[in-house]
């Protein structure tokens, strides 16, 4: 069994020290990003909201994102991850928005992305958007790798000096 708090500990410590907050939207990580952040004692100081936005219906209800207003955009893409991160940040009035969207496996998704594909976006005082391809069809292993990548990106951003 993995250590949830161990995954979220550095991010939680840095968010608390900086007095900053976060909202998370994830899909193929299945809630592990949020769970890792929430497993850290004192998470209520920084964690505002998190959701597993796994279906079109969930996206529409929880985020109010209508892809018809964004021609050519699709889930499991960097532009969508960035939109989702910014939407969560704005709707929840947090310092940071973190989003993950992809295909954990064992097969790829309807868009042609292979299992092990995810796009991660961090929106806040700095922005970072990237794609991770594990090349692995192991669903649970990918969920953990997606979580680790998202939290590592958050920690890297939080380790940067605060600018006025």
C-alpha atoms as a PDB file:
ATOM      1  CA  UNK A   1       0.000   0.000   0.000  1.00  0.00           C
ATOM      2  CA  UNK A   2       1.252   3.471  -0.876  1.00  0.00           C
ATOM      3  CA  UNK A   3       1.741   6.254   1.640  1.00  0.00           C
ATOM      4  CA  UNK A   4      -0.778   8.953   0.659  1.00  0.00           C
ATOM      5  CA  UNK A   5       0.531  11.505   3.140  1.00  0.00           C
ATOM      6  CA  UNK A   6       4.070  10.888   1.910  1.00  0.00           C
ATOM      7  CA  UNK A   7       3.034  11.955  -1.587  1.00  0.00           C
ATOM      8  CA  UNK A   8       1.338  15.146  -0.380  1.00  0.00           C
ATOM      9  CA  UNK A   9       3.561  16.101   2.542  1.00  0.00           C
ATOM     10  CA  UNK A  10       5.994  18.447   0.768  1.00  0.00           C
ATOM     11  CA  UNK A  11       3.219  20.255  -1.089  1.00  0.00           C
ATOM     12  CA  UNK A  12       1.145  20.606   2.068  1.00  0.00           C
ATOM     13  CA  UNK A  13       4.083  21.957   4.048  1.00  0.00           C
ATOM     14  CA  UNK A  14       4.937  24.520   1.345  1.00  0.00           C
ATOM     15  CA  UNK A  15       1.332  25.614   0.796  1.00  0.00           C
ATOM     16  CA  UNK A  16       0.916  26.125   4.534  1.00  0.00           C
ATOM     17  CA  UNK A  17       4.200  28.032   4.883  1.00  0.00           C
ATOM     18  CA  UNK A  18       3.238  30.332   2.008  1.00  0.00           C
ATOM     19  CA  UNK A  19      -0.344  30.791   3.224  1.00  0.00           C
ATOM     20  CA  UNK A  20      -1.692  29.613  -0.131  1.00  0.00           C
ATOM     21  CA  UNK A  21      -4.644  27.478  -1.161  1.00  0.00           C
ATOM     22  CA  UNK A  22      -5.389  24.934  -3.871  1.00  0.00           C
ATOM     23  CA  UNK A  23      -8.297  23.385  -5.757  1.00  0.00           C
ATOM     24  CA  UNK A  24      -7.849  20.166  -7.737  1.00  0.00           C
ATOM     25  CA  UNK A  25      -9.668  18.625 -10.701  1.00  0.00           C
ATOM     26  CA  UNK A  26      -8.523  15.190 -11.787  1.00  0.00           C
ATOM     27  CA  UNK A  27      -9.807  12.378 -13.938  1.00  0.00           C
ATOM     28  CA  UNK A  28      -7.532   9.412 -14.580  1.00  0.00           C
ATOM     29  CA  UNK A  29      -5.714   9.816 -11.250  1.00  0.00           C
ATOM     30  CA  UNK A  30      -9.077   8.951  -9.700  1.00  0.00           C
ATOM     31  CA  UNK A  31      -8.852  11.228  -6.673  1.00  0.00           C
ATOM     32  CA  UNK A  32      -5.336  10.244  -5.579  1.00  0.00           C
ATOM     33  CA  UNK A  33      -4.003  13.788  -6.014  1.00  0.00           C
ATOM     34  CA  UNK A  34      -6.673  15.193  -3.707  1.00  0.00           C
ATOM     35  CA  UNK A  35      -6.371  12.260  -1.298  1.00  0.00           C
ATOM     36  CA  UNK A  36      -2.602  12.758  -1.059  1.00  0.00           C
ATOM     37  CA  UNK A  37      -3.022  16.421  -0.201  1.00  0.00           C
ATOM     38  CA  UNK A  38      -5.822  15.675   2.271  1.00  0.00           C
ATOM     39  CA  UNK A  39      -3.897  12.892   4.036  1.00  0.00           C
ATOM     40  CA  UNK A  40      -1.532  15.496   5.465  1.00  0.00           C
ATOM     41  CA  UNK A  41      -2.558  16.737   8.929  1.00  0.00           C
ATOM     42  CA  UNK A  42      -3.605  20.386   8.714  1.00  0.00           C
ATOM     43  CA  UNK A  43      -4.848  20.108   5.121  1.00  0.00           C
ATOM     44  CA  UNK A  44      -7.780  22.398   5.928  1.00  0.00           C
ATOM     45  CA  UNK A  45      -5.302  25.303   5.920  1.00  0.00           C
ATOM     46  CA  UNK A  46      -4.651  24.923   2.175  1.00  0.00           C
ATOM     47  CA  UNK A  47      -7.053  22.459   0.511  1.00  0.00           C
ATOM     48  CA  UNK A  48     -10.295  24.130  -0.627  1.00  0.00           C
ATOM     49  CA  UNK A  49     -11.831  21.633  -3.059  1.00  0.00           C
ATOM     50  CA  UNK A  50     -11.171  18.668  -5.266  1.00  0.00           C
ATOM     51  CA  UNK A  51     -13.183  16.682  -7.736  1.00  0.00           C
ATOM     52  CA  UNK A  52     -12.874  13.671  -9.963  1.00  0.00           C
ATOM     53  CA  UNK A  53     -14.138  15.090 -13.247  1.00  0.00           C
ATOM     54  CA  UNK A  54     -14.447  11.758 -15.019  1.00  0.00           C
ATOM     55  CA  UNK A  55     -17.343  12.285 -17.451  1.00  0.00           C
ATOM     56  CA  UNK A  56     -18.755  14.986 -19.707  1.00  0.00           C
ATOM     57  CA  UNK A  57     -21.712  15.323 -17.339  1.00  0.00           C
ATOM     58  CA  UNK A  58     -19.417  15.858 -14.347  1.00  0.00           C
ATOM     59  CA  UNK A  59     -17.432  18.480 -16.266  1.00  0.00           C
ATOM     60  CA  UNK A  60     -20.590  20.387 -17.162  1.00  0.00           C
ATOM     61  CA  UNK A  61     -22.104  20.253 -13.675  1.00  0.00           C
ATOM     62  CA  UNK A  62     -19.019  20.834 -11.533  1.00  0.00           C
ATOM     63  CA  UNK A  63     -17.018  23.217 -13.731  1.00  0.00           C
ATOM     64  CA  UNK A  64     -19.569  24.821 -16.081  1.00  0.00           C
ATOM     65  CA  UNK A  65     -17.097  24.193 -18.919  1.00  0.00           C
ATOM     66  CA  UNK A  66     -18.970  23.727 -22.191  1.00  0.00           C
ATOM     67  CA  UNK A  67     -16.519  22.474 -24.805  1.00  0.00           C
ATOM     68  CA  UNK A  68     -18.809  23.877 -27.506  1.00  0.00           C
ATOM     69  CA  UNK A  69     -17.453  27.269 -26.440  1.00  0.00           C
ATOM     70  CA  UNK A  70     -13.903  26.013 -27.066  1.00  0.00           C
ATOM     71  CA  UNK A  71     -13.847  24.689 -30.664  1.00  0.00           C
ATOM     72  CA  UNK A  72     -11.328  21.931 -31.264  1.00  0.00           C
ATOM     73  CA  UNK A  73     -10.615  21.384 -27.571  1.00  0.00           C
ATOM     74  CA  UNK A  74     -10.915  17.896 -26.138  1.00  0.00           C
ATOM     75  CA  UNK A  75     -10.295  16.119 -22.868  1.00  0.00           C
ATOM     76  CA  UNK A  76      -6.873  14.553 -22.318  1.00  0.00           C
ATOM     77  CA  UNK A  77      -5.100  17.520 -23.910  1.00  0.00           C
ATOM     78  CA  UNK A  78      -2.855  20.266 -22.578  1.00  0.00           C
ATOM     79  CA  UNK A  79      -5.272  23.086 -23.518  1.00  0.00           C
ATOM     80  CA  UNK A  80      -8.111  21.310 -21.687  1.00  0.00           C
ATOM     81  CA  UNK A  81      -5.943  20.657 -18.607  1.00  0.00           C
ATOM     82  CA  UNK A  82      -4.990  24.350 -18.533  1.00  0.00           C
ATOM     83  CA  UNK A  83      -8.633  25.431 -18.865  1.00  0.00           C
ATOM     84  CA  UNK A  84      -9.664  23.031 -16.108  1.00  0.00           C
ATOM     85  CA  UNK A  85      -6.907  24.217 -13.735  1.00  0.00           C
ATOM     86  CA  UNK A  86      -7.766  27.883 -14.313  1.00  0.00           C
ATOM     87  CA  UNK A  87     -11.489  27.186 -13.945  1.00  0.00           C
ATOM     88  CA  UNK A  88     -10.980  25.437 -10.596  1.00  0.00           C
ATOM     89  CA  UNK A  89      -8.726  28.233  -9.387  1.00  0.00           C
ATOM     90  CA  UNK A  90     -11.248  30.894 -10.370  1.00  0.00           C
ATOM     91  CA  UNK A  91     -14.397  29.104  -9.173  1.00  0.00           C
ATOM     92  CA  UNK A  92     -12.881  28.164  -5.813  1.00  0.00           C
ATOM     93  CA  UNK A  93     -10.988  31.464  -5.375  1.00  0.00           C
ATOM     94  CA  UNK A  94      -7.701  29.720  -4.604  1.00  0.00           C
ATOM     95  CA  UNK A  95      -4.065  30.611  -5.164  1.00  0.00           C
ATOM     96  CA  UNK A  96      -3.538  27.482  -7.257  1.00  0.00           C
ATOM     97  CA  UNK A  97      -5.562  25.284  -9.582  1.00  0.00           C
ATOM     98  CA  UNK A  98      -4.204  21.832 -10.410  1.00  0.00           C
ATOM     99  CA  UNK A  99      -5.736  19.631 -13.094  1.00  0.00           C
ATOM    100  CA  UNK A 100      -5.005  16.178 -14.521  1.00  0.00           C
ATOM    101  CA  UNK A 101      -6.725  14.522 -17.492  1.00  0.00           C
ATOM    102  CA  UNK A 102      -5.734  11.364 -19.328  1.00  0.00           C
ATOM    103  CA  UNK A 103      -6.028   7.629 -19.869  1.00  0.00           C
ATOM    104  CA  UNK A 104      -4.823   5.405 -17.051  1.00  0.00           C
ATOM    105  CA  UNK A 105      -5.383   2.119 -18.875  1.00  0.00           C
ATOM    106  CA  UNK A 106      -5.381  -0.714 -19.554  1.00  0.00           C
ATOM    107  CA  UNK A 107      -6.455   0.725 -22.925  1.00  0.00           C
ATOM    108  CA  UNK A 108      -6.218   4.193 -24.372  1.00  0.00           C
ATOM    109  CA  UNK A 109      -9.061   6.660 -24.710  1.00  0.00           C
ATOM    110  CA  UNK A 110     -11.508   7.535 -27.466  1.00  0.00           C
ATOM    111  CA  UNK A 111      -9.224  10.323 -28.719  1.00  0.00           C
ATOM    112  CA  UNK A 112      -6.437   7.934 -29.696  1.00  0.00           C
ATOM    113  CA  UNK A 113      -4.202   8.526 -26.686  1.00  0.00           C
ATOM    114  CA  UNK A 114      -2.444   5.417 -25.422  1.00  0.00           C
ATOM    115  CA  UNK A 115      -2.808   4.066 -21.898  1.00  0.00           C
ATOM    116  CA  UNK A 116      -0.402   5.949 -19.657  1.00  0.00           C
ATOM    117  CA  UNK A 117      -1.128   9.324 -21.287  1.00  0.00           C
ATOM    118  CA  UNK A 118      -1.997  12.298 -19.112  1.00  0.00           C
ATOM    119  CA  UNK A 119      -1.893  16.070 -19.320  1.00  0.00           C
ATOM    120  CA  UNK A 120      -1.268  18.045 -16.155  1.00  0.00           C
ATOM    121  CA  UNK A 121      -1.724  21.765 -15.618  1.00  0.00           C
ATOM    122  CA  UNK A 122      -0.879  23.988 -12.698  1.00  0.00           C
ATOM    123  CA  UNK A 123      -2.278  27.499 -12.680  1.00  0.00           C
ATOM    124  CA  UNK A 124      -1.394  30.149 -10.126  1.00  0.00           C
ATOM    125  CA  UNK A 125       1.442  32.566  -9.528  1.00  0.00           C
ATOM    126  CA  UNK A 126       3.258  30.453 -12.138  1.00  0.00           C
ATOM    127  CA  UNK A 127       1.770  28.227 -14.797  1.00  0.00           C
ATOM    128  CA  UNK A 128       3.001  24.874 -15.992  1.00  0.00           C
ATOM    129  CA  UNK A 129       1.337  22.528 -18.477  1.00  0.00           C
ATOM    130  CA  UNK A 130       2.851  19.250 -19.630  1.00  0.00           C
ATOM    131  CA  UNK A 131       2.112  15.789 -20.977  1.00  0.00           C
ATOM    132  CA  UNK A 132       3.312  12.552 -19.412  1.00  0.00           C
ATOM    133  CA  UNK A 133       3.447   9.307 -21.394  1.00  0.00           C
ATOM    134  CA  UNK A 134       4.318   6.292 -19.250  1.00  0.00           C
ATOM    135  CA  UNK A 135       4.030   3.707 -22.038  1.00  0.00           C
ATOM    136  CA  UNK A 136       2.441   1.379 -19.500  1.00  0.00           C
ATOM    137  CA  UNK A 137      -1.037  -0.193 -19.539  1.00  0.00           C
ATOM    138  CA  UNK A 138      -1.114  -0.855 -15.781  1.00  0.00           C
ATOM    139  CA  UNK A 139      -4.041   1.255 -14.594  1.00  0.00           C
ATOM    140  CA  UNK A 140      -3.153   1.562 -10.913  1.00  0.00           C
ATOM    141  CA  UNK A 141       0.549   2.145 -11.564  1.00  0.00           C
ATOM    142  CA  UNK A 142      -0.374   4.951 -13.974  1.00  0.00           C
ATOM    143  CA  UNK A 143      -2.737   6.527 -11.466  1.00  0.00           C
ATOM    144  CA  UNK A 144       0.103   6.727  -8.950  1.00  0.00           C
ATOM    145  CA  UNK A 145       2.591   8.015 -11.560  1.00  0.00           C
ATOM    146  CA  UNK A 146       0.111  10.723 -12.647  1.00  0.00           C
ATOM    147  CA  UNK A 147      -0.352  11.710  -8.998  1.00  0.00           C
ATOM    148  CA  UNK A 148       3.367  11.851  -8.367  1.00  0.00           C
ATOM    149  CA  UNK A 149       3.985  13.950 -11.493  1.00  0.00           C
ATOM    150  CA  UNK A 150       1.227  16.416 -10.577  1.00  0.00           C
ATOM    151  CA  UNK A 151       2.430  16.815  -7.006  1.00  0.00           C
ATOM    152  CA  UNK A 152       6.073  17.125  -8.095  1.00  0.00           C
ATOM    153  CA  UNK A 153       5.083  19.954 -10.460  1.00  0.00           C
ATOM    154  CA  UNK A 154       3.254  21.661  -7.599  1.00  0.00           C
ATOM    155  CA  UNK A 155       6.219  21.304  -5.229  1.00  0.00           C
ATOM    156  CA  UNK A 156       8.627  22.654  -7.875  1.00  0.00           C
ATOM    157  CA  UNK A 157       6.411  25.716  -8.343  1.00  0.00           C
ATOM    158  CA  UNK A 158       6.046  26.228  -4.594  1.00  0.00           C
ATOM    159  CA  UNK A 159       9.812  26.043  -4.080  1.00  0.00           C
ATOM    160  CA  UNK A 160      10.238  29.116  -6.271  1.00  0.00           C
ATOM    161  CA  UNK A 161      10.648  32.382  -4.371  1.00  0.00           C
ATOM    162  CA  UNK A 162       7.481  34.401  -3.814  1.00  0.00           C
ATOM    163  CA  UNK A 163       7.600  37.568  -5.898  1.00  0.00           C
ATOM    164  CA  UNK A 164       5.761  40.703  -4.891  1.00  0.00           C
END
